[in-house]
Protein backbone atom coordinates (compact mmCIF):
# COMPACT_ATOMS: atom_id res chain seq x y z
CA MET A 1 40.60 45.07 61.58
CA GLY A 2 41.04 44.92 57.82
CA SER A 3 41.92 47.76 55.89
CA SER A 4 39.58 47.02 52.96
CA LYS A 5 37.13 50.02 53.03
CA PRO A 6 33.48 50.04 54.41
CA ASN A 7 30.79 50.72 51.79
CA THR A 8 27.71 50.51 53.09
CA ILE A 9 26.07 52.10 56.29
CA ARG A 10 26.19 48.43 57.93
CA SER A 11 29.64 47.17 57.10
CA THR A 12 30.84 50.62 58.42
CA LEU A 13 28.97 50.30 61.43
CA GLU A 14 30.45 47.37 62.35
CA TRP A 15 34.10 48.27 61.35
CA ALA A 16 33.20 51.88 63.21
CA ILE A 17 32.65 48.98 66.30
CA GLU A 18 35.44 47.32 65.95
CA ARG A 19 37.59 50.29 66.06
CA VAL A 20 36.21 51.95 69.16
CA GLN A 21 36.74 48.12 70.64
CA SER A 22 40.52 48.55 69.47
CA ASN A 23 40.67 51.91 71.28
CA CYS A 24 39.54 50.97 74.22
CA HIS A 25 42.10 50.83 76.15
CA ALA A 26 44.52 52.94 74.14
CA PHE A 27 43.94 56.26 76.17
CA GLY A 28 43.91 55.13 79.39
CA LEU A 29 42.07 57.85 81.91
CA ALA A 30 42.71 60.93 79.23
CA PHE A 31 40.35 62.12 76.71
CA PRO A 32 41.28 62.26 73.20
CA THR A 33 40.51 65.49 71.97
CA ARG A 34 41.57 66.17 67.77
CA GLY A 35 44.64 65.69 65.43
CA TYR A 36 46.52 63.82 62.47
CA PRO A 37 47.73 61.04 62.08
CA GLU A 38 47.16 60.78 65.22
CA TYR A 39 44.80 61.89 68.55
CA THR A 40 46.23 64.34 70.34
CA THR A 41 44.84 62.74 74.11
CA ALA A 42 44.37 65.80 77.68
CA PRO A 43 43.13 65.39 81.13
CA ASN A 44 39.11 66.18 81.77
CA ASP A 45 39.92 69.84 81.10
CA HIS A 46 37.85 70.84 78.41
CA TRP A 47 34.86 71.38 76.29
CA VAL A 48 34.60 67.62 74.44
CA ALA A 49 35.83 65.47 77.53
CA SER A 50 32.57 64.06 77.19
CA PHE A 51 32.33 63.05 73.63
CA TRP A 52 35.07 59.76 74.06
CA PRO A 53 32.97 58.47 76.48
CA GLY A 54 29.75 58.95 75.15
CA ILE A 55 31.51 56.99 72.33
CA LEU A 56 32.24 53.86 74.53
CA TRP A 57 28.10 54.43 75.57
CA LEU A 58 27.11 54.31 72.21
CA ALA A 59 29.00 51.26 71.26
CA TYR A 60 28.23 49.69 75.11
CA HIS A 61 24.86 49.85 74.00
CA VAL A 62 24.57 47.87 71.17
CA THR A 63 27.39 45.32 71.92
CA GLY A 64 27.21 44.45 75.74
CA ASP A 65 30.99 44.44 75.99
CA ALA A 66 32.04 44.86 78.87
CA ASP A 67 35.24 46.40 78.81
CA LEU A 68 33.25 48.44 77.45
CA ARG A 69 31.27 49.53 80.06
CA ALA A 70 33.87 49.37 82.82
CA GLN A 71 36.50 51.78 80.70
CA ALA A 72 33.65 54.43 80.38
CA GLU A 73 32.70 53.99 84.15
CA ALA A 74 36.49 54.72 85.33
CA LEU A 75 36.41 58.19 83.60
CA LEU A 76 33.15 59.36 85.35
CA PRO A 77 34.51 59.95 89.08
CA SER A 78 37.17 63.13 86.71
CA PHE A 79 33.61 64.66 86.14
CA ALA A 80 32.69 64.85 89.58
CA GLN A 81 36.45 66.42 90.22
CA ARG A 82 36.00 68.67 87.62
CA LEU A 83 32.89 70.00 89.35
CA GLU A 84 34.65 70.11 92.84
CA ARG A 85 37.83 71.85 91.19
CA ARG A 86 35.70 74.35 88.87
CA VAL A 87 37.40 73.47 85.44
CA HIS A 88 36.31 75.17 83.14
CA ILE A 89 33.08 75.87 83.81
CA SER A 90 30.75 77.23 80.99
CA HIS A 91 27.91 77.17 79.02
CA ASP A 92 29.17 72.94 77.75
CA LEU A 93 28.40 72.00 80.79
CA GLY A 94 25.23 70.14 78.80
CA PHE A 95 27.88 68.61 76.33
CA LEU A 96 29.97 67.24 79.74
CA TYR A 97 27.17 65.72 81.52
CA THR A 98 24.90 64.38 78.93
CA LEU A 99 27.02 62.41 77.90
CA SER A 100 29.31 61.14 80.67
CA ALA A 101 26.57 61.11 83.93
CA ARG A 102 23.47 61.35 81.82
CA ALA A 103 24.36 58.40 79.69
CA GLU A 104 25.92 55.98 82.37
CA ARG A 105 22.67 56.92 84.17
CA MET A 106 20.72 55.54 81.62
CA LEU A 107 22.69 52.46 80.34
CA THR A 108 23.63 51.18 84.10
CA GLY A 109 21.02 52.77 86.71
CA ASN A 110 24.19 54.39 88.42
CA LYS A 111 22.44 56.56 91.13
CA GLU A 112 25.76 58.07 91.94
CA ALA A 113 25.87 58.87 88.20
CA ARG A 114 22.25 60.80 88.13
CA GLU A 115 24.12 63.07 90.94
CA ILE A 116 26.85 64.54 88.91
CA ALA A 117 24.27 65.30 86.13
CA LEU A 118 21.94 67.10 88.29
CA TRP A 119 24.77 68.87 90.01
CA ALA A 120 26.45 69.95 86.10
CA ALA A 121 22.51 71.63 85.79
CA ARG A 122 22.79 73.39 89.23
CA GLU A 123 26.06 74.98 87.85
CA LEU A 124 24.46 75.55 84.23
CA VAL A 125 21.29 77.55 84.99
CA GLN A 126 23.73 79.75 87.01
CA ARG A 127 24.82 81.58 83.60
CA PHE A 128 21.41 82.68 82.76
CA ASN A 129 21.45 86.12 82.12
CA PRO A 130 17.47 87.18 82.65
CA ARG A 131 18.28 90.71 81.06
CA GLY A 132 18.45 89.33 78.47
CA GLY A 133 17.20 85.62 78.18
CA TYR A 134 20.44 83.97 77.36
CA ILE A 135 22.63 81.84 79.29
CA GLN A 136 26.49 83.16 79.08
CA ALA A 137 28.78 80.97 76.83
CA TRP A 138 32.24 81.52 77.79
CA GLN A 139 34.71 81.73 80.79
CA GLU A 140 33.20 82.98 84.72
CA ILE A 141 29.74 85.05 85.52
CA GLY A 142 30.39 88.59 84.76
CA HIS A 143 33.21 88.28 83.07
CA PRO A 144 33.98 91.79 81.05
CA ASP A 145 34.59 90.60 77.66
CA GLU A 146 32.26 87.59 77.75
CA ALA A 147 29.39 88.43 80.25
CA GLY A 148 26.89 89.34 76.60
CA ARG A 149 27.87 86.46 74.72
CA MET A 150 25.48 83.19 73.86
CA ILE A 151 26.26 80.94 70.71
CA VAL A 152 24.00 78.63 68.91
CA ASP A 153 26.20 75.04 70.16
CA CYS A 154 24.38 76.16 73.43
CA MET A 155 21.10 74.73 71.83
CA MET A 156 22.92 71.07 72.43
CA ASN A 157 23.81 72.01 75.79
CA LEU A 158 19.38 72.24 76.82
CA PRO A 159 19.13 69.02 76.60
CA LEU A 160 20.94 68.39 80.43
CA LEU A 161 18.23 71.29 81.62
CA TYR A 162 14.80 69.53 79.78
CA TRP A 163 16.33 66.50 81.64
CA ALA A 164 17.06 68.19 85.59
CA SER A 165 13.35 69.20 84.96
CA GLU A 166 12.14 65.71 84.55
CA GLN A 167 14.13 64.26 87.05
CA THR A 168 13.18 66.87 90.23
CA GLY A 169 10.12 67.93 89.22
CA ASP A 170 11.59 71.68 89.38
CA ASP A 171 9.95 74.14 86.09
CA SER A 172 12.98 76.66 86.75
CA TYR A 173 15.50 74.15 85.00
CA ARG A 174 13.10 73.81 81.59
CA GLU A 175 12.30 77.30 81.63
CA VAL A 176 15.96 78.74 81.83
CA ALA A 177 16.04 76.62 78.44
CA ARG A 178 13.05 76.99 77.42
CA ASN A 179 14.23 81.40 77.44
CA HIS A 180 17.17 80.60 75.81
CA ALA A 181 15.73 78.40 72.85
CA LEU A 182 13.65 81.91 72.81
CA ALA A 183 16.55 83.88 72.65
CA THR A 184 18.71 81.57 70.34
CA ARG A 185 15.69 81.95 67.84
CA MET A 186 14.89 85.75 68.38
CA HIS A 187 18.96 86.51 67.39
CA LEU A 188 21.14 84.02 65.97
CA VAL A 189 18.83 82.80 63.72
CA ARG A 190 18.54 85.50 60.59
CA GLU A 191 15.18 85.65 58.64
CA ASP A 192 16.40 83.03 55.80
CA GLY A 193 16.95 80.29 58.12
CA SER A 194 21.25 80.55 58.41
CA THR A 195 22.34 81.35 62.12
CA TYR A 196 25.65 83.40 63.96
CA HIS A 197 27.40 81.61 65.23
CA THR A 198 27.65 84.30 68.62
CA PHE A 199 25.43 87.14 69.63
CA PHE A 200 26.30 89.98 71.77
CA PHE A 201 24.18 91.64 74.78
CA ASP A 202 24.71 94.25 76.93
CA PRO A 203 24.70 92.03 79.93
CA ASP A 204 23.45 95.25 82.55
CA THR A 205 20.21 95.94 80.41
CA GLY A 206 19.66 92.61 78.34
CA GLN A 207 20.27 95.25 75.08
CA PRO A 208 20.23 93.39 72.17
CA LEU A 209 23.50 94.19 70.27
CA ALA A 210 25.38 92.58 67.21
CA GLY A 211 25.29 88.76 65.81
CA LYS A 212 29.25 88.01 65.43
CA THR A 213 31.21 85.17 64.38
CA HIS A 214 34.09 83.31 66.29
CA GLN A 215 34.69 80.47 64.29
CA GLY A 216 33.14 80.96 61.15
CA TYR A 217 34.53 83.13 57.41
CA ALA A 218 32.86 86.04 58.64
CA ASP A 219 30.01 87.76 60.80
CA GLU A 220 27.20 87.30 57.55
CA SER A 221 29.11 83.90 56.62
CA LEU A 222 27.53 80.73 57.54
CA TRP A 223 29.52 78.35 59.71
CA SER A 224 28.50 74.82 58.73
CA ARG A 225 28.84 73.45 62.01
CA GLY A 226 27.14 76.15 63.92
CA GLN A 227 23.96 75.80 61.09
CA ALA A 228 24.39 71.81 62.15
CA TRP A 229 24.34 72.56 65.97
CA ALA A 230 20.95 75.13 65.52
CA ILE A 231 19.01 72.10 63.26
CA TYR A 232 19.88 68.94 65.74
CA GLY A 233 19.70 71.60 69.13
CA PHE A 234 16.17 73.30 67.73
CA ALA A 235 15.41 69.65 67.37
CA LEU A 236 15.28 68.65 70.46
CA THR A 237 13.97 71.18 72.19
CA ALA A 238 10.87 70.46 69.90
CA GLN A 239 10.68 67.62 71.57
CA TRP A 240 10.59 68.17 74.91
CA LEU A 241 8.40 71.57 74.78
CA GLY A 242 6.17 69.55 72.71
CA ASP A 243 6.63 73.52 71.09
CA ALA A 244 5.45 74.14 67.35
CA ARG A 245 7.59 77.56 67.17
CA PHE A 246 11.18 75.68 67.84
CA LEU A 247 9.78 72.67 65.33
CA ALA A 248 9.49 75.59 62.52
CA VAL A 249 12.70 76.95 62.76
CA THR A 250 14.24 73.39 63.47
CA GLU A 251 12.78 73.17 59.62
CA SER A 252 13.96 76.39 58.52
CA THR A 253 17.40 76.22 59.44
CA ALA A 254 17.85 71.91 57.90
CA ASP A 255 16.25 73.75 54.70
CA GLN A 256 19.03 76.16 54.87
CA PHE A 257 22.01 74.11 55.26
CA LEU A 258 20.59 71.49 52.49
CA ALA A 259 19.80 74.32 50.16
CA GLU A 260 23.35 76.03 50.67
CA SER A 261 25.57 72.55 51.41
CA PRO A 262 27.10 71.17 48.25
CA PRO A 263 23.92 68.06 47.51
CA ASP A 264 26.85 65.09 47.24
CA SER A 265 29.89 66.52 49.06
CA THR A 266 30.97 66.69 52.83
CA PRO A 267 30.31 70.30 53.59
CA LEU A 268 32.91 73.11 53.67
CA TRP A 269 33.55 74.64 56.85
CA ASP A 270 31.98 77.78 56.09
CA LEU A 271 28.67 77.49 53.57
CA ARG A 272 29.55 81.31 52.21
CA LEU A 273 33.32 81.57 51.52
CA PRO A 274 34.84 83.30 48.81
CA PRO A 275 36.73 81.62 46.49
CA ASP A 276 40.40 82.88 47.89
CA ALA A 277 38.80 81.51 51.60
CA PRO A 278 40.30 78.03 52.58
CA GLN A 279 38.45 75.42 50.90
CA HIS A 280 38.33 72.99 53.90
CA LEU A 281 35.92 70.21 54.78
CA ASP A 282 34.42 69.95 57.75
CA SER A 283 33.49 65.95 58.74
CA SER A 284 31.79 66.79 61.88
CA ALA A 285 29.25 70.01 60.30
CA GLY A 286 28.28 66.94 58.47
CA ALA A 287 27.95 64.31 61.13
CA ILE A 288 26.07 66.94 63.72
CA ALA A 289 23.55 67.78 60.74
CA ALA A 290 22.55 63.97 60.30
CA CYS A 291 21.76 63.55 63.52
CA GLY A 292 19.26 66.40 63.31
CA LEU A 293 17.54 65.91 60.19
CA LEU A 294 17.21 62.09 61.74
CA ARG A 295 15.42 63.50 64.88
CA LEU A 296 14.01 66.26 62.89
CA ALA A 297 12.52 63.38 60.55
CA ARG A 298 11.23 61.56 63.92
CA LEU A 299 8.96 64.58 64.21
CA THR A 300 7.57 64.96 61.23
CA SER A 301 7.56 61.90 59.99
CA GLY A 302 9.09 63.92 56.96
CA GLU A 303 10.69 60.69 54.61
CA ASP A 304 13.23 63.92 53.18
CA TYR A 305 14.59 64.60 55.58
CA PHE A 306 15.35 61.03 56.89
CA GLN A 307 17.25 60.69 53.10
CA GLN A 308 19.12 63.20 53.20
CA ALA A 309 20.38 62.60 57.06
CA GLU A 310 21.27 59.08 54.85
CA THR A 311 23.08 60.64 51.99
CA LEU A 312 24.76 62.59 54.74
CA VAL A 313 26.03 60.15 56.21
CA LYS A 314 26.96 58.15 53.06
CA THR A 315 29.10 60.50 51.69
CA LEU A 316 31.00 60.60 54.86
CA ILE A 317 31.29 57.26 53.98
CA ALA A 318 32.52 57.37 50.59
CA GLU A 319 34.95 60.79 51.58
CA CYS A 320 36.09 60.73 55.07
CA VAL A 321 36.30 57.30 56.90
CA GLU A 322 39.76 56.44 57.77
CA THR A 323 40.67 52.84 57.04
CA ASP A 324 43.95 53.01 57.71
CA PRO A 325 44.34 49.92 60.42
CA ASN A 326 47.24 51.86 62.49
CA ARG A 327 44.57 54.61 63.07
CA GLN A 328 42.71 55.90 65.65
CA GLY A 329 39.56 58.18 64.35
CA LEU A 330 36.52 56.92 62.64
CA ILE A 331 36.20 60.35 60.08
CA ARG A 332 38.85 62.48 58.96
CA HIS A 333 38.85 66.45 57.47
CA GLY A 334 37.78 67.88 60.53
CA ALA A 335 37.72 71.54 60.36
CA GLN A 336 37.98 72.92 64.34
CA HIS A 337 38.73 75.86 64.01
CA VAL A 338 39.58 77.46 60.61
CA PRO A 339 40.74 80.78 61.06
CA ALA A 340 42.53 79.81 64.27
CA ASP A 341 44.24 77.26 61.74
CA GLU A 342 43.28 75.09 64.44
CA THR A 343 43.61 71.00 63.11
CA PRO A 344 41.65 71.89 59.33
CA ASP A 345 41.63 68.56 58.55
CA GLY A 346 42.30 65.58 61.14
CA TYR A 347 40.14 64.04 63.46
CA LEU A 348 37.76 65.55 66.11
CA ILE A 349 36.19 63.83 68.68
CA PHE A 350 32.93 65.10 68.22
CA GLY A 351 32.54 64.18 64.83
CA ASP A 352 33.41 60.48 65.49
CA TYR A 353 30.50 61.05 68.17
CA PHE A 354 28.45 62.39 65.85
CA PHE A 355 29.17 60.05 62.78
CA LEU A 356 28.48 57.06 65.24
CA GLU A 357 25.46 58.37 66.94
CA ALA A 358 23.94 58.57 63.19
CA LEU A 359 24.83 55.54 61.81
CA LEU A 360 23.28 53.57 65.50
CA THR A 361 20.56 55.87 64.04
CA LEU A 362 20.18 54.61 60.78
CA THR A 363 19.81 51.21 61.62
CA GLY A 364 17.48 51.65 64.42
CA GLN A 365 19.86 51.06 67.75
CA ALA A 366 20.70 54.90 69.19
CA PRO A 367 20.59 55.03 72.34
CA ASP A 368 18.23 58.46 72.84
CA PHE A 369 20.99 60.66 75.50
CA TRP A 370 19.85 64.17 74.36
CA GLY A 371 15.91 63.05 74.78
CA PRO A 372 13.13 62.31 77.29
CA SER A 373 13.72 59.53 79.63
CA GLY A 374 12.02 56.67 78.22
CA GLY A 375 12.10 57.43 74.66
CA GLY A 376 14.00 53.86 73.91
CA GLU A 377 16.36 53.86 71.10
CA LEU A 378 15.15 56.79 67.70
CA PHE A 379 13.66 54.96 65.34
CA GLY A 380 13.64 51.84 63.06
CA GLY A 381 15.93 52.85 60.84
CA ILE A 382 17.00 51.53 57.27
CA SER A 383 16.06 48.18 56.12
């Protein structure tokens, strides 16, 4: 692989696929998470584990490369094992099993992958608290400190539940997801379309308490990756349910993200930072937002949203693509958790995943792992 920097969407996609192919066997049965100058790897025990198999499945979809498929398939048993052993069970079951088991089922027809994904969906609905109408984000159900917490990221976990209803005919999965989306719309989305990262309820009564941050700068600031999760997550709920309320909130969150982001630069990790705060970029927020804007463009036939997404991706290409041929990541300048000083300027495996998904979507080649079955590739893409 050469070191020359790709400068178009198509050349960047070709470069990214080559890098995924060169990484294919580098990680073995471990999972890249974050880091710089190399990725740190871990066993399948964390919330980001599915993004590496998701990348492999994206690349396999467009190449038919048997090595990519074999590597992704080899990772699936560990996802069954973590359910059996109850390893890090949280609301992130949606992320974990959409991009591993559901993706494999979609691209290969593997019946075991379908059953594993449905198993995860059954676990996820158990986290729903009907008193507040939300899915508990973290820790074991009823945890004394976490039983009342929902977070904006969970909007991206709901597609696993919509899919489970589609597969089984059991509407209870869809109803849990719909009620959680309504609670997110009511409590995490502010009047101006910006979002809180987390919100707390009294878990015993369902009484709403307060919006808080965890990874943002402050409770009333605007954590950029959380806003991006909202754009993409609400777009997916709007698509699955055909509910105009969710399409409206998708547009509101998208418009606010675009209004507060710099027009010609990768987003900062928080969009409401004072001058003396750390000014780190977050390439993952830009990649996720681009994917959400592309989904919104599809739902609304909105050319402006498509163009804004294309601009975001071109900005990432110009500012964040890792061209050193001896490196592993696709994009640099990811900010995992700035308040905790975790990878403030490195690779994030989910940033790489959504960057590749955005490139494939823009070129009309992305498989739809998140939407209703039978949707095929997202749309025609650029000429």
